[in-house]
Amino acid sequence: MADLQMPPARAYGWELKPTSSTFFEINRRENGQFSVVLNHALLRGVTADMIYWWFLNFPNLKVRLIDIPGYEDKIVSAYLLWHPSDHVDAQLKGALGLGGTSQVGAKIHIREAMQYLKHGLRFPVDAAMTIFYCADDGWAMGKKLPLLGPAMCLRIHYRDVEEDGKHIGVHYHYEIVVGLSGGDPLSRFINGKLTGHYPPEFFEAWHLHNTIEVGVFENFLPALYAQRETPEALEFSRDMDAAPGSPADQKGFDPALFKRRVEGYRAAQDPFEFQAFEAASFL
């Protein structure tokens, strides 16, 4: 991780959401495996189609930052818009979809550092994962071990929310499972190695990182999506901010879902089976 070169932070001028705008819990199991449930506040001014387009394309997108201090008129990875300080880059590899887009079975290599401005490179991420799910209702990526099965899965679900027949935003819900589900000595040993990379302090930093990452969809994604017909010429300037002054007193959108999922992980014999991909079984 020593060669992870962080780009200078971007002063977009956005009001970043605090962790108090989410519901969050980690459940650690006796065999060393653990699960994370993170329920975000409703994303205003964003649609599920926008988020699906982002997940299909974001590793390939370049954007010209018009008036961002230190980045004036520079073309950078659009990944740098998804967080103002923690992101480096993301790359797609392997069997890609039409136009080089994400699809199930492809690999995505992500490089970033959790809360870099506070922790430096204490909590880096520089890893490739397989895309398990990529659809208009969600995204999943992770790792499987030969002969042993799933060892990690990061699962995102998003859906449009209406009120009185009007679209009011997107509900974005995140779940993670790390570690093998077995209770045998080999599984426990491997889980110790896997989960040793993710101490409680890592996920404290990740919690804020992801809260910011998801929240800033409100700021930049509508502007980029409006330019989707010419992705080779994407631009972003501060006057394109679609959510100036986002309220900081929001809460996770669906507390009943959050409670149900947390309790489900506690009771599940195999958390990976509980972490279903299909929207109907997920909800």
Protein backbone atom coordinates (compact mmCIF):
# COMPACT_ATOMS: atom_id res chain seq x y z
CA MET A 1 0.00 0.00 0.00
CA ALA A 2 2.99 2.31 0.34
CA ASP A 3 2.79 3.25 -3.36
CA LEU A 4 -0.80 4.55 -3.08
CA GLN A 5 -0.45 8.11 -4.32
CA MET A 6 -3.34 10.27 -3.15
CA PRO A 7 -4.34 13.19 -5.38
CA PRO A 8 -4.85 16.60 -3.76
CA ALA A 9 -8.25 17.05 -2.10
CA ARG A 10 -10.97 18.74 -4.13
CA ALA A 11 -12.69 21.85 -2.69
CA TYR A 12 -16.11 21.41 -4.25
CA GLY A 13 -17.83 23.48 -1.58
CA TRP A 14 -20.36 20.75 -0.82
CA GLU A 15 -22.00 20.32 2.57
CA LEU A 16 -21.08 16.72 3.41
CA LYS A 17 -23.53 14.51 5.24
CA PRO A 18 -22.60 13.29 8.74
CA THR A 19 -22.92 9.70 9.93
CA SER A 20 -25.92 10.78 12.02
CA SER A 21 -27.86 10.82 8.72
CA THR A 22 -27.63 7.00 8.56
CA PHE A 23 -28.47 3.85 10.50
CA PHE A 24 -25.37 1.67 10.92
CA GLU A 25 -24.50 -1.57 12.72
CA ILE A 26 -21.79 -4.24 12.65
CA ASN A 27 -22.57 -7.78 13.79
CA ARG A 28 -19.51 -9.92 14.63
CA ARG A 29 -20.00 -13.66 14.84
CA GLU A 30 -18.26 -16.20 17.05
CA ASN A 31 -16.43 -17.77 14.06
CA GLY A 32 -14.83 -14.43 13.14
CA GLN A 33 -17.20 -13.59 10.32
CA PHE A 34 -19.02 -10.25 10.42
CA SER A 35 -21.76 -8.31 8.64
CA VAL A 36 -22.39 -4.59 8.21
CA VAL A 37 -25.74 -2.91 7.53
CA LEU A 38 -25.79 0.76 6.50
CA ASN A 39 -29.09 2.47 5.71
CA HIS A 40 -28.73 5.91 4.11
CA ALA A 41 -30.96 8.97 4.15
CA LEU A 42 -33.13 9.46 1.08
CA LEU A 43 -31.17 10.88 -1.87
CA ARG A 44 -33.03 13.91 -3.19
CA GLY A 45 -32.94 14.93 -6.86
CA VAL A 46 -31.42 11.56 -7.83
CA THR A 47 -33.08 8.62 -9.61
CA ALA A 48 -32.27 4.92 -9.63
CA ASP A 49 -31.57 5.21 -13.38
CA MET A 50 -28.84 7.75 -12.61
CA ILE A 51 -27.19 5.46 -10.08
CA TYR A 52 -27.43 2.45 -12.40
CA TRP A 53 -25.78 4.49 -15.19
CA TRP A 54 -23.04 5.50 -12.75
CA PHE A 55 -22.26 1.93 -11.71
CA LEU A 56 -22.18 0.78 -15.32
CA ASN A 57 -19.74 3.49 -16.35
CA PHE A 58 -17.92 5.26 -13.51
CA PRO A 59 -14.49 3.53 -13.81
CA ASN A 60 -14.28 4.66 -17.45
CA LEU A 61 -15.59 8.20 -17.12
CA LYS A 62 -13.37 11.27 -17.38
CA VAL A 63 -14.56 14.73 -16.42
CA ARG A 64 -13.19 18.23 -16.95
CA LEU A 65 -13.28 20.15 -13.66
CA ILE A 66 -13.97 23.71 -14.73
CA ASP A 67 -13.41 25.80 -11.61
CA ILE A 68 -12.33 23.52 -8.75
CA PRO A 69 -9.35 25.09 -6.92
CA GLY A 70 -6.15 23.30 -7.89
CA TYR A 71 -7.95 21.44 -10.68
CA GLU A 72 -9.02 24.33 -12.93
CA ASP A 73 -9.76 23.02 -16.42
CA LYS A 74 -8.16 19.64 -15.66
CA ILE A 75 -9.48 16.33 -16.96
CA VAL A 76 -9.55 13.68 -14.23
CA SER A 77 -11.24 10.41 -13.41
CA ALA A 78 -14.90 10.98 -12.54
CA TYR A 79 -14.14 8.81 -9.51
CA LEU A 80 -12.65 11.95 -7.96
CA LEU A 81 -16.13 13.49 -7.92
CA TRP A 82 -17.48 10.61 -5.83
CA HIS A 83 -15.50 11.76 -2.79
CA PRO A 84 -13.67 15.07 -2.22
CA SER A 85 -10.56 13.55 -0.60
CA ASP A 86 -10.47 9.74 -0.26
CA HIS A 87 -10.55 8.45 -3.85
CA VAL A 88 -7.65 7.67 -6.18
CA ASP A 89 -9.05 5.65 -9.09
CA ALA A 90 -11.08 2.63 -10.18
CA GLN A 91 -10.42 0.34 -13.13
CA LEU A 92 -12.48 -2.31 -14.88
CA LYS A 93 -10.78 -5.46 -16.11
CA GLY A 94 -11.72 -8.80 -17.62
CA ALA A 95 -14.91 -9.60 -19.55
CA LEU A 96 -16.67 -6.25 -19.89
CA GLY A 97 -20.09 -5.33 -21.18
CA LEU A 98 -21.02 -3.40 -24.31
CA GLY A 99 -18.83 -0.33 -24.64
CA GLY A 100 -16.51 -1.52 -21.88
CA THR A 101 -19.12 -1.16 -19.15
CA SER A 102 -19.48 -3.10 -15.90
CA GLN A 103 -21.10 -6.50 -15.98
CA VAL A 104 -21.31 -9.61 -13.84
CA GLY A 105 -18.02 -11.51 -13.89
CA ALA A 106 -15.82 -8.50 -14.63
CA LYS A 107 -13.22 -7.31 -12.13
CA ILE A 108 -13.10 -3.88 -10.59
CA HIS A 109 -9.92 -2.59 -8.96
CA ILE A 110 -10.50 0.19 -6.44
CA ARG A 111 -7.87 2.40 -4.83
CA GLU A 112 -8.77 4.77 -2.00
CA ALA A 113 -8.07 5.55 1.66
CA MET A 114 -10.70 5.83 4.37
CA GLN A 115 -10.85 9.36 5.87
CA TYR A 116 -7.51 10.23 4.32
CA LEU A 117 -7.45 13.81 5.62
CA LYS A 118 -7.72 12.49 9.19
CA HIS A 119 -5.92 9.13 9.07
CA GLY A 120 -3.54 9.43 6.12
CA LEU A 121 -2.86 5.96 4.69
CA ARG A 122 -3.80 4.10 7.87
CA PHE A 123 -6.88 2.56 6.18
CA PRO A 124 -6.03 2.08 2.49
CA VAL A 125 -7.93 0.02 -0.06
CA ASP A 126 -6.05 -1.26 -3.10
CA ALA A 127 -7.87 -4.38 -4.20
CA ALA A 128 -9.61 -6.07 -7.13
CA MET A 129 -13.02 -7.66 -6.67
CA THR A 130 -15.39 -9.57 -8.92
CA ILE A 131 -18.71 -7.97 -9.86
CA PHE A 132 -21.44 -10.33 -8.65
CA TYR A 133 -24.50 -8.25 -9.52
CA CYS A 134 -25.11 -5.21 -11.72
CA ALA A 135 -28.70 -4.20 -12.42
CA ASP A 136 -31.16 -1.33 -12.25
CA ASP A 137 -31.90 -2.10 -8.59
CA GLY A 138 -28.43 -2.74 -7.21
CA TRP A 139 -24.78 -3.67 -7.38
CA ALA A 140 -22.59 -6.26 -5.63
CA MET A 141 -18.90 -7.10 -5.69
CA GLY A 142 -16.64 -9.33 -3.66
CA LYS A 143 -14.35 -12.33 -3.51
CA LYS A 144 -14.74 -16.10 -3.56
CA LEU A 145 -12.07 -18.57 -2.47
CA PRO A 146 -11.49 -21.73 -4.54
CA LEU A 147 -13.29 -24.72 -2.98
CA LEU A 148 -14.36 -22.62 0.02
CA GLY A 149 -16.92 -20.27 -1.50
CA PRO A 150 -17.78 -16.62 -0.74
CA ALA A 151 -15.34 -14.77 1.51
CA MET A 152 -16.55 -11.19 1.02
CA CYS A 153 -19.51 -9.48 -0.57
CA LEU A 154 -20.44 -5.80 -0.65
CA ARG A 155 -24.11 -5.46 -1.63
CA ILE A 156 -25.87 -2.21 -2.56
CA HIS A 157 -29.60 -1.82 -3.15
CA TYR A 158 -31.22 1.33 -4.55
CA ARG A 159 -34.81 2.09 -5.48
CA ASP A 160 -36.94 5.07 -6.44
CA VAL A 161 -39.32 6.35 -3.78
CA GLU A 162 -42.59 8.11 -4.55
CA GLU A 163 -44.93 10.12 -2.37
CA ASP A 164 -48.42 11.09 -3.56
CA GLY A 165 -47.47 9.90 -7.02
CA LYS A 166 -44.35 12.08 -7.21
CA HIS A 167 -40.74 10.94 -7.22
CA ILE A 168 -39.04 12.22 -4.07
CA GLY A 169 -35.68 10.48 -4.20
CA VAL A 170 -33.74 7.22 -4.03
CA HIS A 171 -33.40 4.88 -1.07
CA TYR A 172 -29.79 3.56 -0.96
CA HIS A 173 -29.00 0.66 1.34
CA TYR A 174 -25.60 -1.03 1.83
CA GLU A 175 -24.65 -4.40 3.32
CA ILE A 176 -21.30 -6.19 3.68
CA VAL A 177 -20.37 -9.71 4.73
CA VAL A 178 -16.72 -10.62 5.40
CA GLY A 179 -15.47 -14.09 6.33
CA LEU A 180 -16.39 -17.70 5.64
CA SER A 181 -19.63 -19.00 7.10
CA GLY A 182 -18.29 -22.31 8.43
CA GLY A 183 -17.41 -23.03 12.03
CA ASP A 184 -14.57 -25.48 11.30
CA PRO A 185 -10.96 -24.67 12.29
CA LEU A 186 -9.93 -23.83 8.71
CA SER A 187 -12.78 -21.32 8.34
CA ARG A 188 -11.94 -19.74 11.68
CA PHE A 189 -8.28 -19.45 10.72
CA ILE A 190 -9.08 -17.85 7.36
CA ASN A 191 -11.60 -15.53 8.99
CA GLY A 192 -8.95 -14.37 11.41
CA LYS A 193 -6.71 -13.47 8.49
CA LEU A 194 -9.51 -11.78 6.54
CA THR A 195 -11.09 -9.82 9.34
CA GLY A 196 -7.70 -8.80 10.73
CA HIS A 197 -7.54 -6.35 7.83
CA TYR A 198 -10.75 -4.71 9.04
CA PRO A 199 -10.51 -3.74 12.73
CA PRO A 200 -13.39 -1.76 14.27
CA GLU A 201 -11.49 1.48 13.58
CA PHE A 202 -11.47 0.69 9.85
CA PHE A 203 -15.24 0.50 9.71
CA GLU A 204 -15.65 3.61 11.80
CA ALA A 205 -13.64 5.40 9.11
CA TRP A 206 -15.50 3.56 6.33
CA HIS A 207 -18.87 4.56 7.84
CA LEU A 208 -18.11 8.26 7.38
CA HIS A 209 -16.40 7.63 4.04
CA ASN A 210 -19.46 5.88 2.66
CA THR A 211 -21.89 8.39 4.15
CA ILE A 212 -20.06 11.16 2.30
CA GLU A 213 -19.66 9.10 -0.87
CA VAL A 214 -23.35 8.28 -1.17
CA GLY A 215 -24.51 11.72 -0.04
CA VAL A 216 -22.59 13.59 -2.73
CA PHE A 217 -24.54 11.80 -5.46
CA GLU A 218 -27.02 14.63 -4.81
CA ASN A 219 -24.36 17.21 -5.67
CA PHE A 220 -22.81 15.93 -8.89
CA LEU A 221 -24.70 12.99 -10.40
CA PRO A 222 -27.64 14.89 -11.95
CA ALA A 223 -25.20 17.11 -13.86
CA LEU A 224 -23.14 14.20 -15.18
CA TYR A 225 -26.19 12.14 -16.07
CA ALA A 226 -27.57 15.06 -18.11
CA GLN A 227 -24.40 14.81 -20.23
CA ARG A 228 -24.55 11.02 -20.65
CA GLU A 229 -25.08 11.20 -24.42
CA THR A 230 -21.56 12.67 -24.77
CA PRO A 231 -19.60 10.87 -22.02
CA GLU A 232 -16.30 11.72 -23.73
CA ALA A 233 -16.92 15.42 -22.97
CA LEU A 234 -18.24 15.45 -19.39
CA GLU A 235 -17.76 18.68 -17.45
CA PHE A 236 -18.41 19.79 -13.89
CA SER A 237 -18.31 23.23 -12.32
CA ARG A 238 -19.41 24.42 -8.91
CA ASP A 239 -22.56 26.03 -10.28
CA MET A 240 -23.70 22.55 -11.36
CA ASP A 241 -24.11 21.53 -7.70
CA ALA A 242 -27.67 20.19 -7.62
CA ALA A 243 -27.94 20.13 -3.82
CA PRO A 244 -26.43 23.24 -2.23
CA GLY A 245 -26.83 23.23 1.52
CA SER A 246 -28.03 19.64 1.91
CA PRO A 247 -29.68 19.32 5.35
CA ALA A 248 -27.52 17.64 7.98
CA ASP A 249 -30.41 16.46 10.19
CA GLN A 250 -31.52 13.60 7.94
CA LYS A 251 -31.88 10.00 9.12
CA GLY A 252 -31.79 6.62 7.46
CA PHE A 253 -34.85 6.37 5.25
CA ASP A 254 -36.32 3.01 6.26
CA PRO A 255 -35.71 2.12 9.94
CA ALA A 256 -38.00 -0.91 9.71
CA LEU A 257 -35.92 -2.37 6.88
CA PHE A 258 -32.73 -1.61 8.78
CA LYS A 259 -33.99 -3.42 11.89
CA ARG A 260 -35.22 -6.38 9.85
CA ARG A 261 -31.92 -6.80 8.05
CA VAL A 262 -29.82 -6.46 11.22
CA GLU A 263 -31.94 -9.03 13.01
CA GLY A 264 -31.84 -11.29 9.97
CA TYR A 265 -28.05 -11.33 9.96
CA ARG A 266 -27.96 -12.13 13.65
CA ALA A 267 -30.24 -15.14 13.08
CA ALA A 268 -28.82 -16.35 9.75
CA GLN A 269 -26.90 -19.61 9.61
CA ASP A 270 -25.21 -18.40 6.42
CA PRO A 271 -25.07 -14.59 6.08
CA PHE A 272 -24.19 -14.88 2.39
CA GLU A 273 -27.47 -16.68 1.72
CA PHE A 274 -29.33 -14.02 3.67
CA GLN A 275 -27.58 -11.32 1.63
CA ALA A 276 -29.89 -12.00 -1.33
CA PHE A 277 -29.37 -10.21 -4.65
CA GLU A 278 -32.95 -10.15 -5.93
CA ALA A 279 -34.93 -7.09 -4.95
CA ALA A 280 -38.05 -9.03 -3.95
CA SER A 281 -36.22 -11.25 -1.48
CA PHE A 282 -33.97 -8.42 -0.35
CA LEU A 283 -36.90 -6.25 0.75
